[in-house]
Amino acid sequence: MALTPIDETHALQIQAGTIGRKAGHAFEDRITECINSISFPVSFDDHSTKHVLVGEPGLVLLKYIAGVHGQNTIESAVALSTGALATSEEGKKWLEVNGVPVKRCKSDIILTVRFSGQAEDLTIGVSTKQCNNRTPTNAQLFFTTARGFASLLNSNDIYVSDEAVNSLRQFCGDTGFRPLDAPELHAERLCDPRRFFWEEIEENGRAEWEALFKTKQDEITRLLLQKAYLEDPFSPDVVLHKTKKADSC
């Protein structure tokens, strides 16, 4: 979404996005502060590999990571928040993690963990999502352009044709692909002229996307969760999704 508002509604959408990003960074900071304040080593009674958990987010995250790796005790852990790198907010635009410069990173938190009895640290990327509504909602995975999304798929061996890209650009409302760019064809259009509905986009391109989503949904979802940025030095290993508002965080 462009950051220059074209009307009052668009301005409110931009404002909501900014507020949401700041809330997201506060959630990352809470998790980071929790983990960095723990007196290690810390042990867990059981291996937790469940995917729906309740509790303090930082502790839940550590317990899940220990369970996935078949460990009961974490000797040490250090957390670093990187989420602000992915936004247009003011401030430093890079940092260094374990000697690696980071400018863009899909992981919002990078954990350096050492399990009991192991000599080397393990670096784990964590992508965080949060919702502050009282009832659970879906988390936004990835925000991009039609061409950017197609490039992500093509660079990961999921072929997308130029025809399909143009169809998606119709659906996304890219300049030159909107109903309002061809007013003679849509003079009597009663609905929003800034984009086409899915059913209206070019038929062959629509069919290609529908076939891709039917046959490659697992691969596409993994890419959106994990490989959204090209040359990401710390792509996420774990997704932590806070599904609804909690009184304590």
C-alpha atoms as a PDB file:
ATOM      1  CA  MET A   1       0.000   0.000   0.000  1.00  0.00           C
ATOM      2  CA  ALA A   2       1.394   3.443  -0.937  1.00  0.00           C
ATOM      3  CA  LEU A   3       2.183   5.678   2.028  1.00  0.00           C
ATOM      4  CA  THR A   4       0.851   8.855   0.348  1.00  0.00           C
ATOM      5  CA  PRO A   5      -2.897   8.961   1.071  1.00  0.00           C
ATOM      6  CA  ILE A   6      -5.242   9.534  -1.847  1.00  0.00           C
ATOM      7  CA  ASP A   7      -8.317  10.163   0.319  1.00  0.00           C
ATOM      8  CA  GLU A   8      -9.505  10.085   3.935  1.00  0.00           C
ATOM      9  CA  THR A   9     -10.219   6.345   3.897  1.00  0.00           C
ATOM     10  CA  HIS A  10      -6.744   5.581   2.579  1.00  0.00           C
ATOM     11  CA  ALA A  11      -5.215   7.853   5.245  1.00  0.00           C
ATOM     12  CA  LEU A  12      -7.021   5.901   7.956  1.00  0.00           C
ATOM     13  CA  GLN A  13      -5.756   2.616   6.472  1.00  0.00           C
ATOM     14  CA  ILE A  14      -2.186   3.911   6.593  1.00  0.00           C
ATOM     15  CA  GLN A  15      -2.674   5.073  10.182  1.00  0.00           C
ATOM     16  CA  ALA A  16      -4.073   1.682  11.184  1.00  0.00           C
ATOM     17  CA  GLY A  17      -1.069  -0.030   9.616  1.00  0.00           C
ATOM     18  CA  THR A  18       1.338   2.194  11.539  1.00  0.00           C
ATOM     19  CA  ILE A  19      -0.469   1.536  14.831  1.00  0.00           C
ATOM     20  CA  GLY A  20      -0.461  -2.194  14.113  1.00  0.00           C
ATOM     21  CA  ARG A  21       3.276  -2.243  13.415  1.00  0.00           C
ATOM     22  CA  LYS A  22       4.029  -0.414  16.665  1.00  0.00           C
ATOM     23  CA  ALA A  23       1.842  -2.858  18.594  1.00  0.00           C
ATOM     24  CA  GLY A  24       3.683  -5.710  16.908  1.00  0.00           C
ATOM     25  CA  HIS A  25       7.054  -4.306  17.934  1.00  0.00           C
ATOM     26  CA  ALA A  26       5.814  -3.942  21.516  1.00  0.00           C
ATOM     27  CA  PHE A  27       4.872  -7.647  21.474  1.00  0.00           C
ATOM     28  CA  GLU A  28       8.324  -8.588  20.165  1.00  0.00           C
ATOM     29  CA  ASP A  29       9.957  -6.418  22.823  1.00  0.00           C
ATOM     30  CA  ARG A  30       7.907  -8.086  25.565  1.00  0.00           C
ATOM     31  CA  ILE A  31       9.029 -11.544  24.430  1.00  0.00           C
ATOM     32  CA  THR A  32      12.639 -10.401  24.122  1.00  0.00           C
ATOM     33  CA  GLU A  33      12.657  -8.801  27.571  1.00  0.00           C
ATOM     34  CA  CYS A  34      11.062 -11.886  29.125  1.00  0.00           C
ATOM     35  CA  ILE A  35      13.637 -14.274  27.682  1.00  0.00           C
ATOM     36  CA  ASN A  36      16.585 -12.021  28.492  1.00  0.00           C
ATOM     37  CA  SER A  37      15.413 -11.645  32.105  1.00  0.00           C
ATOM     38  CA  ILE A  38      15.296 -15.405  32.819  1.00  0.00           C
ATOM     39  CA  SER A  39      17.910 -16.885  35.138  1.00  0.00           C
ATOM     40  CA  PHE A  40      19.272 -19.814  33.171  1.00  0.00           C
ATOM     41  CA  PRO A  41      19.458 -22.771  33.098  1.00  0.00           C
ATOM     42  CA  VAL A  42      15.736 -23.423  32.877  1.00  0.00           C
ATOM     43  CA  SER A  43      14.105 -26.875  32.704  1.00  0.00           C
ATOM     44  CA  PHE A  44      10.700 -28.023  31.499  1.00  0.00           C
ATOM     45  CA  ASP A  45       8.851 -31.027  32.872  1.00  0.00           C
ATOM     46  CA  ASP A  46       7.692 -32.347  29.516  1.00  0.00           C
ATOM     47  CA  HIS A  47       8.383 -32.051  25.808  1.00  0.00           C
ATOM     48  CA  SER A  48       5.742 -29.681  24.442  1.00  0.00           C
ATOM     49  CA  THR A  49       5.223 -29.953  20.696  1.00  0.00           C
ATOM     50  CA  LYS A  50       1.583 -28.880  20.726  1.00  0.00           C
ATOM     51  CA  HIS A  51       0.769 -25.997  18.411  1.00  0.00           C
ATOM     52  CA  VAL A  52      -1.874 -24.307  20.593  1.00  0.00           C
ATOM     53  CA  LEU A  53      -0.394 -23.115  23.878  1.00  0.00           C
ATOM     54  CA  VAL A  54      -1.436 -20.788  26.698  1.00  0.00           C
ATOM     55  CA  GLY A  55       0.922 -18.804  28.892  1.00  0.00           C
ATOM     56  CA  GLU A  56       3.620 -16.141  28.981  1.00  0.00           C
ATOM     57  CA  PRO A  57       4.721 -15.839  25.314  1.00  0.00           C
ATOM     58  CA  GLY A  58       8.464 -15.901  26.018  1.00  0.00           C
ATOM     59  CA  LEU A  59       8.278 -19.005  28.199  1.00  0.00           C
ATOM     60  CA  VAL A  60       5.844 -20.724  25.826  1.00  0.00           C
ATOM     61  CA  LEU A  61       8.277 -20.088  22.989  1.00  0.00           C
ATOM     62  CA  LEU A  62      11.254 -21.544  24.867  1.00  0.00           C
ATOM     63  CA  LYS A  63       9.275 -24.590  25.959  1.00  0.00           C
ATOM     64  CA  TYR A  64       8.121 -25.259  22.416  1.00  0.00           C
ATOM     65  CA  ILE A  65      11.643 -24.930  20.999  1.00  0.00           C
ATOM     66  CA  ALA A  66      13.010 -27.279  23.648  1.00  0.00           C
ATOM     67  CA  GLY A  67      10.267 -29.804  22.875  1.00  0.00           C
ATOM     68  CA  VAL A  68      10.839 -29.704  19.119  1.00  0.00           C
ATOM     69  CA  HIS A  69      14.529 -30.439  19.696  1.00  0.00           C
ATOM     70  CA  GLY A  70      13.796 -33.185  22.239  1.00  0.00           C
ATOM     71  CA  GLN A  71      15.413 -31.281  25.108  1.00  0.00           C
ATOM     72  CA  ASN A  72      14.270 -30.622  28.675  1.00  0.00           C
ATOM     73  CA  THR A  73      16.861 -28.041  29.763  1.00  0.00           C
ATOM     74  CA  ILE A  74      18.015 -24.815  28.128  1.00  0.00           C
ATOM     75  CA  GLU A  75      21.389 -23.749  29.500  1.00  0.00           C
ATOM     76  CA  SER A  76      21.242 -20.247  28.039  1.00  0.00           C
ATOM     77  CA  ALA A  77      19.243 -18.126  25.625  1.00  0.00           C
ATOM     78  CA  VAL A  78      19.589 -14.590  24.306  1.00  0.00           C
ATOM     79  CA  ALA A  79      16.830 -12.875  22.315  1.00  0.00           C
ATOM     80  CA  LEU A  80      17.170  -9.977  19.872  1.00  0.00           C
ATOM     81  CA  SER A  81      14.228  -8.143  18.309  1.00  0.00           C
ATOM     82  CA  THR A  82      14.631  -7.343  14.607  1.00  0.00           C
ATOM     83  CA  GLY A  83      11.063  -6.467  13.633  1.00  0.00           C
ATOM     84  CA  ALA A  84      11.646  -2.736  13.178  1.00  0.00           C
ATOM     85  CA  LEU A  85      13.990  -3.494  10.286  1.00  0.00           C
ATOM     86  CA  ALA A  86      11.023  -4.540   8.146  1.00  0.00           C
ATOM     87  CA  THR A  87       9.147  -1.224   8.440  1.00  0.00           C
ATOM     88  CA  SER A  88       9.569   2.305   7.230  1.00  0.00           C
ATOM     89  CA  GLU A  89       9.939   3.715  10.728  1.00  0.00           C
ATOM     90  CA  GLU A  90      12.781   6.034  11.638  1.00  0.00           C
ATOM     91  CA  GLY A  91      15.950   4.676  13.166  1.00  0.00           C
ATOM     92  CA  LYS A  92      18.840   2.360  12.425  1.00  0.00           C
ATOM     93  CA  LYS A  93      18.242   0.210   9.336  1.00  0.00           C
ATOM     94  CA  TRP A  94      20.719  -2.571  10.047  1.00  0.00           C
ATOM     95  CA  LEU A  95      22.165  -4.617  12.888  1.00  0.00           C
ATOM     96  CA  GLU A  96      24.682  -7.400  13.362  1.00  0.00           C
ATOM     97  CA  VAL A  97      23.789 -10.860  14.652  1.00  0.00           C
ATOM     98  CA  ASN A  98      26.545 -13.375  15.334  1.00  0.00           C
ATOM     99  CA  GLY A  99      28.803 -11.441  12.995  1.00  0.00           C
ATOM    100  CA  VAL A 100      26.207 -11.380  10.192  1.00  0.00           C
ATOM    101  CA  PRO A 101      24.906  -7.964   8.996  1.00  0.00           C
ATOM    102  CA  VAL A 102      21.105  -7.908   8.806  1.00  0.00           C
ATOM    103  CA  LYS A 103      19.210  -5.353   6.723  1.00  0.00           C
ATOM    104  CA  ARG A 104      16.015  -7.282   5.919  1.00  0.00           C
ATOM    105  CA  CYS A 105      14.803 -10.210   7.934  1.00  0.00           C
ATOM    106  CA  LYS A 106      11.510 -12.096   8.019  1.00  0.00           C
ATOM    107  CA  SER A 107      12.309 -13.175  11.598  1.00  0.00           C
ATOM    108  CA  ASP A 108      11.079 -10.649  14.172  1.00  0.00           C
ATOM    109  CA  ILE A 109      13.149 -12.258  16.939  1.00  0.00           C
ATOM    110  CA  ILE A 110      16.454 -14.080  16.672  1.00  0.00           C
ATOM    111  CA  LEU A 111      17.229 -16.496  19.487  1.00  0.00           C
ATOM    112  CA  THR A 112      20.646 -17.852  20.364  1.00  0.00           C
ATOM    113  CA  VAL A 113      19.988 -21.005  22.377  1.00  0.00           C
ATOM    114  CA  ARG A 114      22.244 -23.596  24.001  1.00  0.00           C
ATOM    115  CA  PHE A 115      20.774 -26.847  25.273  1.00  0.00           C
ATOM    116  CA  SER A 116      22.124 -28.847  28.217  1.00  0.00           C
ATOM    117  CA  GLY A 117      25.149 -30.918  27.269  1.00  0.00           C
ATOM    118  CA  GLN A 118      25.726 -29.182  23.943  1.00  0.00           C
ATOM    119  CA  ALA A 119      28.887 -27.234  23.182  1.00  0.00           C
ATOM    120  CA  GLU A 120      27.543 -24.988  20.430  1.00  0.00           C
ATOM    121  CA  ASP A 121      24.781 -22.407  20.301  1.00  0.00           C
ATOM    122  CA  LEU A 122      21.782 -22.824  18.013  1.00  0.00           C
ATOM    123  CA  THR A 123      20.422 -19.774  16.164  1.00  0.00           C
ATOM    124  CA  ILE A 124      16.642 -19.796  15.718  1.00  0.00           C
ATOM    125  CA  GLY A 125      14.542 -17.274  13.812  1.00  0.00           C
ATOM    126  CA  VAL A 126      11.062 -16.473  15.129  1.00  0.00           C
ATOM    127  CA  SER A 127       8.299 -14.704  13.204  1.00  0.00           C
ATOM    128  CA  THR A 128       5.693 -13.154  15.508  1.00  0.00           C
ATOM    129  CA  LYS A 129       2.071 -12.306  14.724  1.00  0.00           C
ATOM    130  CA  GLN A 130      -0.430 -10.836  17.127  1.00  0.00           C
ATOM    131  CA  CYS A 131      -4.086  -9.922  17.283  1.00  0.00           C
ATOM    132  CA  ASN A 132      -5.619  -7.716  19.969  1.00  0.00           C
ATOM    133  CA  ASN A 133      -9.257  -8.438  19.181  1.00  0.00           C
ATOM    134  CA  ARG A 134     -11.250 -10.352  21.765  1.00  0.00           C
ATOM    135  CA  THR A 135     -11.985 -13.127  19.274  1.00  0.00           C
ATOM    136  CA  PRO A 136      -9.308 -14.901  17.193  1.00  0.00           C
ATOM    137  CA  THR A 137      -8.584 -13.670  13.680  1.00  0.00           C
ATOM    138  CA  ASN A 138      -6.185 -14.621  10.908  1.00  0.00           C
ATOM    139  CA  ALA A 139      -2.668 -13.200  10.903  1.00  0.00           C
ATOM    140  CA  GLN A 140      -1.275 -11.286   7.939  1.00  0.00           C
ATOM    141  CA  LEU A 141       1.573 -13.345   6.510  1.00  0.00           C
ATOM    142  CA  PHE A 142       3.177 -11.211   3.862  1.00  0.00           C
ATOM    143  CA  PHE A 143       2.403  -7.913   2.139  1.00  0.00           C
ATOM    144  CA  THR A 144       3.761  -7.408  -1.370  1.00  0.00           C
ATOM    145  CA  THR A 145       2.947  -6.434  -4.936  1.00  0.00           C
ATOM    146  CA  ALA A 146       1.603  -8.779  -7.594  1.00  0.00           C
ATOM    147  CA  ARG A 147       4.952  -8.784  -9.366  1.00  0.00           C
ATOM    148  CA  GLY A 148       6.844  -9.236  -6.091  1.00  0.00           C
ATOM    149  CA  PHE A 149       4.709 -12.246  -5.161  1.00  0.00           C
ATOM    150  CA  ALA A 150       5.210 -13.805  -8.588  1.00  0.00           C
ATOM    151  CA  SER A 151       8.976 -13.188  -8.370  1.00  0.00           C
ATOM    152  CA  LEU A 152       9.055 -14.934  -4.983  1.00  0.00           C
ATOM    153  CA  LEU A 153       7.354 -17.983  -6.472  1.00  0.00           C
ATOM    154  CA  ASN A 154       9.461 -18.039  -9.635  1.00  0.00           C
ATOM    155  CA  SER A 155      12.698 -17.726  -7.653  1.00  0.00           C
ATOM    156  CA  ASN A 156      11.639 -20.789  -5.648  1.00  0.00           C
ATOM    157  CA  ASP A 157      10.826 -23.009  -8.644  1.00  0.00           C
ATOM    158  CA  ILE A 158       7.074 -22.374  -8.753  1.00  0.00           C
ATOM    159  CA  TYR A 159       6.485 -21.102 -12.280  1.00  0.00           C
ATOM    160  CA  VAL A 160       4.163 -18.130 -12.832  1.00  0.00           C
ATOM    161  CA  SER A 161       3.542 -16.836 -16.349  1.00  0.00           C
ATOM    162  CA  ASP A 162       3.448 -13.179 -17.372  1.00  0.00           C
ATOM    163  CA  GLU A 163      -0.232 -13.646 -18.207  1.00  0.00           C
ATOM    164  CA  ALA A 164      -0.937 -14.768 -14.641  1.00  0.00           C
ATOM    165  CA  VAL A 165       1.034 -11.816 -13.260  1.00  0.00           C
ATOM    166  CA  ASN A 166      -1.052  -9.385 -15.304  1.00  0.00           C
ATOM    167  CA  SER A 167      -4.246 -11.025 -14.057  1.00  0.00           C
ATOM    168  CA  LEU A 168      -3.099 -10.635 -10.468  1.00  0.00           C
ATOM    169  CA  ARG A 169      -2.229  -7.010 -11.163  1.00  0.00           C
ATOM    170  CA  GLN A 170      -5.857  -6.535 -12.233  1.00  0.00           C
ATOM    171  CA  PHE A 171      -7.034  -8.006  -8.938  1.00  0.00           C
ATOM    172  CA  CYS A 172      -4.574  -5.900  -6.911  1.00  0.00           C
ATOM    173  CA  GLY A 173      -5.494  -2.663  -8.694  1.00  0.00           C
ATOM    174  CA  ASP A 174      -2.093  -1.810 -10.160  1.00  0.00           C
ATOM    175  CA  THR A 175      -1.985   1.364 -12.243  1.00  0.00           C
ATOM    176  CA  GLY A 176      -2.690   0.484 -15.851  1.00  0.00           C
ATOM    177  CA  PHE A 177      -4.637  -2.637 -14.898  1.00  0.00           C
ATOM    178  CA  ARG A 178      -7.665  -1.028 -13.208  1.00  0.00           C
ATOM    179  CA  PRO A 179     -11.194  -0.499 -14.503  1.00  0.00           C
ATOM    180  CA  LEU A 180     -10.669   3.256 -14.245  1.00  0.00           C
ATOM    181  CA  ASP A 181      -7.743   2.993 -16.665  1.00  0.00           C
ATOM    182  CA  ALA A 182     -10.207   1.967 -19.399  1.00  0.00           C
ATOM    183  CA  PRO A 183     -13.290   4.087 -18.641  1.00  0.00           C
ATOM    184  CA  GLU A 184     -14.837   3.432 -22.063  1.00  0.00           C
ATOM    185  CA  LEU A 185     -15.119  -0.247 -21.092  1.00  0.00           C
ATOM    186  CA  HIS A 186     -16.591   0.420 -17.650  1.00  0.00           C
ATOM    187  CA  ALA A 187     -18.636   3.585 -18.096  1.00  0.00           C
ATOM    188  CA  GLU A 188     -21.609   2.066 -16.309  1.00  0.00           C
ATOM    189  CA  ARG A 189     -19.623   0.314 -13.564  1.00  0.00           C
ATOM    190  CA  LEU A 190     -21.357   0.848 -10.214  1.00  0.00           C
ATOM    191  CA  CYS A 191     -18.714  -0.741  -7.947  1.00  0.00           C
ATOM    192  CA  ASP A 192     -15.177   0.360  -7.055  1.00  0.00           C
ATOM    193  CA  PRO A 193     -13.279   1.200 -10.290  1.00  0.00           C
ATOM    194  CA  ARG A 194      -9.853   0.909  -8.636  1.00  0.00           C
ATOM    195  CA  ARG A 195      -9.610  -2.875  -9.019  1.00  0.00           C
ATOM    196  CA  PHE A 196     -11.285  -5.876 -10.600  1.00  0.00           C
ATOM    197  CA  PHE A 197     -13.044  -8.592  -8.657  1.00  0.00           C
ATOM    198  CA  TRP A 198     -11.427 -12.034  -8.851  1.00  0.00           C
ATOM    199  CA  GLU A 199     -14.170 -13.296 -11.166  1.00  0.00           C
ATOM    200  CA  GLU A 200     -13.489 -10.398 -13.568  1.00  0.00           C
ATOM    201  CA  ILE A 201      -9.759 -10.825 -14.125  1.00  0.00           C
ATOM    202  CA  GLU A 202      -8.394 -12.341 -17.330  1.00  0.00           C
ATOM    203  CA  GLU A 203      -9.645 -15.930 -17.503  1.00  0.00           C
ATOM    204  CA  ASN A 204      -6.455 -17.818 -18.403  1.00  0.00           C
ATOM    205  CA  GLY A 205      -4.433 -16.060 -15.712  1.00  0.00           C
ATOM    206  CA  ARG A 206      -7.146 -16.682 -13.121  1.00  0.00           C
ATOM    207  CA  ALA A 207      -7.223 -20.377 -14.020  1.00  0.00           C
ATOM    208  CA  GLU A 208      -3.443 -20.577 -13.635  1.00  0.00           C
ATOM    209  CA  TRP A 209      -3.574 -19.057 -10.132  1.00  0.00           C
ATOM    210  CA  GLU A 210      -6.420 -21.314  -9.052  1.00  0.00           C
ATOM    211  CA  ALA A 211      -4.499 -24.373 -10.241  1.00  0.00           C
ATOM    212  CA  LEU A 212      -1.366 -23.204  -8.399  1.00  0.00           C
ATOM    213  CA  PHE A 213      -3.228 -22.624  -5.147  1.00  0.00           C
ATOM    214  CA  LYS A 214      -4.878 -26.041  -5.478  1.00  0.00           C
ATOM    215  CA  THR A 215      -1.681 -28.008  -6.130  1.00  0.00           C
ATOM    216  CA  LYS A 216       1.044 -25.910  -4.470  1.00  0.00           C
ATOM    217  CA  GLN A 217      -0.688 -24.406  -1.423  1.00  0.00           C
ATOM    218  CA  ASP A 218       1.642 -26.003   1.141  1.00  0.00           C
ATOM    219  CA  GLU A 219       4.766 -24.808  -0.682  1.00  0.00           C
ATOM    220  CA  ILE A 220       3.351 -21.305  -1.191  1.00  0.00           C
ATOM    221  CA  THR A 221       2.328 -20.976   2.458  1.00  0.00           C
ATOM    222  CA  ARG A 222       5.809 -22.050   3.590  1.00  0.00           C
ATOM    223  CA  LEU A 223       7.384 -19.469   1.289  1.00  0.00           C
ATOM    224  CA  LEU A 224       5.161 -16.706   2.684  1.00  0.00           C
ATOM    225  CA  LEU A 225       5.995 -17.702   6.251  1.00  0.00           C
ATOM    226  CA  GLN A 226       9.666 -18.359   5.782  1.00  0.00           C
ATOM    227  CA  LYS A 227      11.209 -17.112   2.532  1.00  0.00           C
ATOM    228  CA  ALA A 228       9.499 -13.795   1.853  1.00  0.00           C
ATOM    229  CA  TYR A 229      12.779 -11.878   1.632  1.00  0.00           C
ATOM    230  CA  LEU A 230      15.442 -12.872  -0.859  1.00  0.00           C
ATOM    231  CA  GLU A 231      18.849 -13.511   0.745  1.00  0.00           C
ATOM    232  CA  ASP A 232      17.377 -13.417   4.253  1.00  0.00           C
ATOM    233  CA  PRO A 233      20.215 -14.392   6.640  1.00  0.00           C
ATOM    234  CA  PHE A 234      17.796 -15.588   9.353  1.00  0.00           C
ATOM    235  CA  SER A 235      14.590 -16.916   7.838  1.00  0.00           C
ATOM    236  CA  PRO A 236      12.046 -18.020  10.485  1.00  0.00           C
ATOM    237  CA  ASP A 237      12.159 -21.502  11.979  1.00  0.00           C
ATOM    238  CA  VAL A 238       9.160 -20.850  14.255  1.00  0.00           C
ATOM    239  CA  VAL A 239       5.981 -18.769  13.964  1.00  0.00           C
ATOM    240  CA  LEU A 240       4.516 -17.452  17.236  1.00  0.00           C
ATOM    241  CA  HIS A 241       0.943 -16.232  16.725  1.00  0.00           C
ATOM    242  CA  LYS A 242      -0.941 -14.529  19.562  1.00  0.00           C
ATOM    243  CA  THR A 243      -4.496 -15.169  18.415  1.00  0.00           C
ATOM    244  CA  LYS A 244      -6.525 -12.753  20.557  1.00  0.00           C
ATOM    245  CA  LYS A 245      -6.312 -10.023  23.164  1.00  0.00           C
ATOM    246  CA  ALA A 246      -5.182 -11.111  26.616  1.00  0.00           C
ATOM    247  CA  ASP A 247      -5.537  -9.115  29.808  1.00  0.00           C
ATOM    248  CA  SER A 248      -1.898  -9.685  30.727  1.00  0.00           C
ATOM    249  CA  CYS A 249      -0.300  -8.771  27.373  1.00  0.00           C
END
